[in-house]
């Protein structure tokens, strides 16, 4: 699915896009990444229903070949330990997701802020 082809809206509408143009270009250049985000979003809502979410394109400043998309869960710092454990469980479920190109899973990193 193309990023702009869904008339009902795109899954990306559920995230604050910190560096929008770079995120769109990164997702467009990695087939399967949008599919992964679409499948991750319901899991994210299940594990962290009361928080907002952001996406950040994050290239490595020292190694040009390394670039990632950070999915940030905007949580309360006082719940860090609890959320860290939930994040671990969520990451395990994401690892088990079936998508057309499993290689893109390594491009999506999650963190609780």
C-alpha atoms as a PDB file:
ATOM      1  CA  UNK A   1       0.000   0.000   0.000  1.00  0.00           C
ATOM      2  CA  UNK A   2       1.254   3.428  -0.861  1.00  0.00           C
ATOM      3  CA  UNK A   3       1.422   6.031   1.855  1.00  0.00           C
ATOM      4  CA  UNK A   4      -1.137   8.355   0.262  1.00  0.00           C
ATOM      5  CA  UNK A   5      -3.443   5.878  -1.492  1.00  0.00           C
ATOM      6  CA  UNK A   6      -5.767   5.072   1.421  1.00  0.00           C
ATOM      7  CA  UNK A   7      -8.592   7.617   1.308  1.00  0.00           C
ATOM      8  CA  UNK A   8      -9.701   6.815   4.871  1.00  0.00           C
ATOM      9  CA  UNK A   9      -6.364   8.016   6.141  1.00  0.00           C
ATOM     10  CA  UNK A  10      -2.998   6.485   6.654  1.00  0.00           C
ATOM     11  CA  UNK A  11      -1.726   4.737   9.756  1.00  0.00           C
ATOM     12  CA  UNK A  12       0.885   7.491   9.936  1.00  0.00           C
ATOM     13  CA  UNK A  13      -1.914   9.891  10.900  1.00  0.00           C
ATOM     14  CA  UNK A  14      -1.812   8.233  14.339  1.00  0.00           C
ATOM     15  CA  UNK A  15       1.725   9.446  14.992  1.00  0.00           C
ATOM     16  CA  UNK A  16       3.423  12.769  15.449  1.00  0.00           C
ATOM     17  CA  UNK A  17       5.928  12.804  12.582  1.00  0.00           C
ATOM     18  CA  UNK A  18       8.951  14.601  13.976  1.00  0.00           C
ATOM     19  CA  UNK A  19      10.774  14.934  10.661  1.00  0.00           C
ATOM     20  CA  UNK A  20       7.916  14.265   8.237  1.00  0.00           C
ATOM     21  CA  UNK A  21       9.660  14.491   4.845  1.00  0.00           C
ATOM     22  CA  UNK A  22      12.506  12.214   5.912  1.00  0.00           C
ATOM     23  CA  UNK A  23      10.054   9.697   7.408  1.00  0.00           C
ATOM     24  CA  UNK A  24       7.942   9.597   4.231  1.00  0.00           C
ATOM     25  CA  UNK A  25      11.045   9.179   2.040  1.00  0.00           C
ATOM     26  CA  UNK A  26      12.452   6.452   4.291  1.00  0.00           C
ATOM     27  CA  UNK A  27       9.186   4.493   4.362  1.00  0.00           C
ATOM     28  CA  UNK A  28       8.752   4.912   0.603  1.00  0.00           C
ATOM     29  CA  UNK A  29      12.218   3.534  -0.067  1.00  0.00           C
ATOM     30  CA  UNK A  30      11.733   0.417   2.105  1.00  0.00           C
ATOM     31  CA  UNK A  31       9.003  -1.882   0.836  1.00  0.00           C
ATOM     32  CA  UNK A  32       7.147  -3.489   3.690  1.00  0.00           C
ATOM     33  CA  UNK A  33       7.877  -0.825   6.293  1.00  0.00           C
ATOM     34  CA  UNK A  34       4.428   0.770   6.019  1.00  0.00           C
ATOM     35  CA  UNK A  35       2.876  -2.699   6.229  1.00  0.00           C
ATOM     36  CA  UNK A  36       4.861  -3.324   9.409  1.00  0.00           C
ATOM     37  CA  UNK A  37       3.724  -0.039  10.954  1.00  0.00           C
ATOM     38  CA  UNK A  38       0.109  -0.888  10.063  1.00  0.00           C
ATOM     39  CA  UNK A  39       0.412  -4.214  11.889  1.00  0.00           C
ATOM     40  CA  UNK A  40       2.313  -2.752  14.834  1.00  0.00           C
ATOM     41  CA  UNK A  41      -0.204   0.024  15.497  1.00  0.00           C
ATOM     42  CA  UNK A  42      -2.993  -2.197  16.943  1.00  0.00           C
ATOM     43  CA  UNK A  43      -0.422  -3.911  19.172  1.00  0.00           C
ATOM     44  CA  UNK A  44       0.848  -0.526  20.268  1.00  0.00           C
ATOM     45  CA  UNK A  45      -2.688   0.559  21.177  1.00  0.00           C
ATOM     46  CA  UNK A  46      -3.138  -2.665  23.127  1.00  0.00           C
ATOM     47  CA  UNK A  47       0.077  -2.332  25.140  1.00  0.00           C
ATOM     48  CA  UNK A  48       0.135   1.455  25.536  1.00  0.00           C
ATOM     49  CA  UNK A  49      -3.455   2.688  25.055  1.00  0.00           C
ATOM     50  CA  UNK A  50      -3.179   5.918  27.034  1.00  0.00           C
ATOM     51  CA  UNK A  51      -0.116   7.413  25.411  1.00  0.00           C
ATOM     52  CA  UNK A  52       0.663   9.293  22.228  1.00  0.00           C
ATOM     53  CA  UNK A  53       3.199   8.068  19.680  1.00  0.00           C
ATOM     54  CA  UNK A  54       5.832   9.713  17.532  1.00  0.00           C
ATOM     55  CA  UNK A  55       7.982   8.636  14.621  1.00  0.00           C
ATOM     56  CA  UNK A  56      11.486   9.905  14.043  1.00  0.00           C
ATOM     57  CA  UNK A  57      13.762   9.148  11.112  1.00  0.00           C
ATOM     58  CA  UNK A  58      17.166   8.610  12.702  1.00  0.00           C
ATOM     59  CA  UNK A  59      20.236   8.180  10.519  1.00  0.00           C
ATOM     60  CA  UNK A  60      23.453   7.256  12.255  1.00  0.00           C
ATOM     61  CA  UNK A  61      25.629  10.405  12.296  1.00  0.00           C
ATOM     62  CA  UNK A  62      28.845   8.394  11.927  1.00  0.00           C
ATOM     63  CA  UNK A  63      27.913   5.535   9.598  1.00  0.00           C
ATOM     64  CA  UNK A  64      25.951   6.615   6.534  1.00  0.00           C
ATOM     65  CA  UNK A  65      24.639   3.115   5.780  1.00  0.00           C
ATOM     66  CA  UNK A  66      22.819   2.849   9.116  1.00  0.00           C
ATOM     67  CA  UNK A  67      19.416   4.475   9.351  1.00  0.00           C
ATOM     68  CA  UNK A  68      16.328   3.626  11.374  1.00  0.00           C
ATOM     69  CA  UNK A  69      12.809   4.707  12.074  1.00  0.00           C
ATOM     70  CA  UNK A  70      12.233   5.302  15.772  1.00  0.00           C
ATOM     71  CA  UNK A  71       8.753   4.683  17.140  1.00  0.00           C
ATOM     72  CA  UNK A  72       8.571   6.638  20.367  1.00  0.00           C
ATOM     73  CA  UNK A  73       5.925   5.991  23.006  1.00  0.00           C
ATOM     74  CA  UNK A  74       5.393   9.248  24.862  1.00  0.00           C
ATOM     75  CA  UNK A  75       4.919   7.985  28.418  1.00  0.00           C
ATOM     76  CA  UNK A  76       5.226   9.267  31.932  1.00  0.00           C
ATOM     77  CA  UNK A  77       8.760   8.855  33.285  1.00  0.00           C
ATOM     78  CA  UNK A  78       7.445   7.692  36.670  1.00  0.00           C
ATOM     79  CA  UNK A  79       6.138   4.514  35.005  1.00  0.00           C
ATOM     80  CA  UNK A  80       9.430   3.779  33.252  1.00  0.00           C
ATOM     81  CA  UNK A  81      10.148   0.351  34.792  1.00  0.00           C
ATOM     82  CA  UNK A  82       6.605  -0.875  34.186  1.00  0.00           C
ATOM     83  CA  UNK A  83       6.601   0.439  30.616  1.00  0.00           C
ATOM     84  CA  UNK A  84      10.034  -1.029  29.928  1.00  0.00           C
ATOM     85  CA  UNK A  85       8.668  -4.502  30.659  1.00  0.00           C
ATOM     86  CA  UNK A  86       5.619  -3.905  28.469  1.00  0.00           C
ATOM     87  CA  UNK A  87       7.896  -2.672  25.705  1.00  0.00           C
ATOM     88  CA  UNK A  88       9.893  -5.888  25.875  1.00  0.00           C
ATOM     89  CA  UNK A  89       6.681  -7.925  25.475  1.00  0.00           C
ATOM     90  CA  UNK A  90       5.553  -5.738  22.576  1.00  0.00           C
ATOM     91  CA  UNK A  91       8.889  -6.162  20.795  1.00  0.00           C
ATOM     92  CA  UNK A  92       8.590  -9.950  21.104  1.00  0.00           C
ATOM     93  CA  UNK A  93       5.124  -9.822  19.533  1.00  0.00           C
ATOM     94  CA  UNK A  94       6.428  -7.651  16.703  1.00  0.00           C
ATOM     95  CA  UNK A  95       9.183 -10.193  16.058  1.00  0.00           C
ATOM     96  CA  UNK A  96       6.451 -12.808  15.519  1.00  0.00           C
ATOM     97  CA  UNK A  97       4.406 -10.721  13.070  1.00  0.00           C
ATOM     98  CA  UNK A  98       4.061 -12.074   9.563  1.00  0.00           C
ATOM     99  CA  UNK A  99       4.776  -9.459   6.929  1.00  0.00           C
ATOM    100  CA  UNK A 100       5.831  -9.584   3.295  1.00  0.00           C
ATOM    101  CA  UNK A 101       9.440  -8.535   3.991  1.00  0.00           C
ATOM    102  CA  UNK A 102      10.727  -9.504   7.433  1.00  0.00           C
ATOM    103  CA  UNK A 103      13.992  -7.634   6.846  1.00  0.00           C
ATOM    104  CA  UNK A 104      12.277  -4.294   7.474  1.00  0.00           C
ATOM    105  CA  UNK A 105      11.666  -5.243  11.107  1.00  0.00           C
ATOM    106  CA  UNK A 106      15.248  -4.287  11.873  1.00  0.00           C
ATOM    107  CA  UNK A 107      14.540  -0.762  10.598  1.00  0.00           C
ATOM    108  CA  UNK A 108      11.857  -0.019  13.195  1.00  0.00           C
ATOM    109  CA  UNK A 109      13.134   0.657  16.706  1.00  0.00           C
ATOM    110  CA  UNK A 110      10.854   1.242  19.679  1.00  0.00           C
ATOM    111  CA  UNK A 111      11.447   3.234  22.820  1.00  0.00           C
ATOM    112  CA  UNK A 112       9.445   4.644  25.706  1.00  0.00           C
ATOM    113  CA  UNK A 113      10.084   8.314  26.392  1.00  0.00           C
END
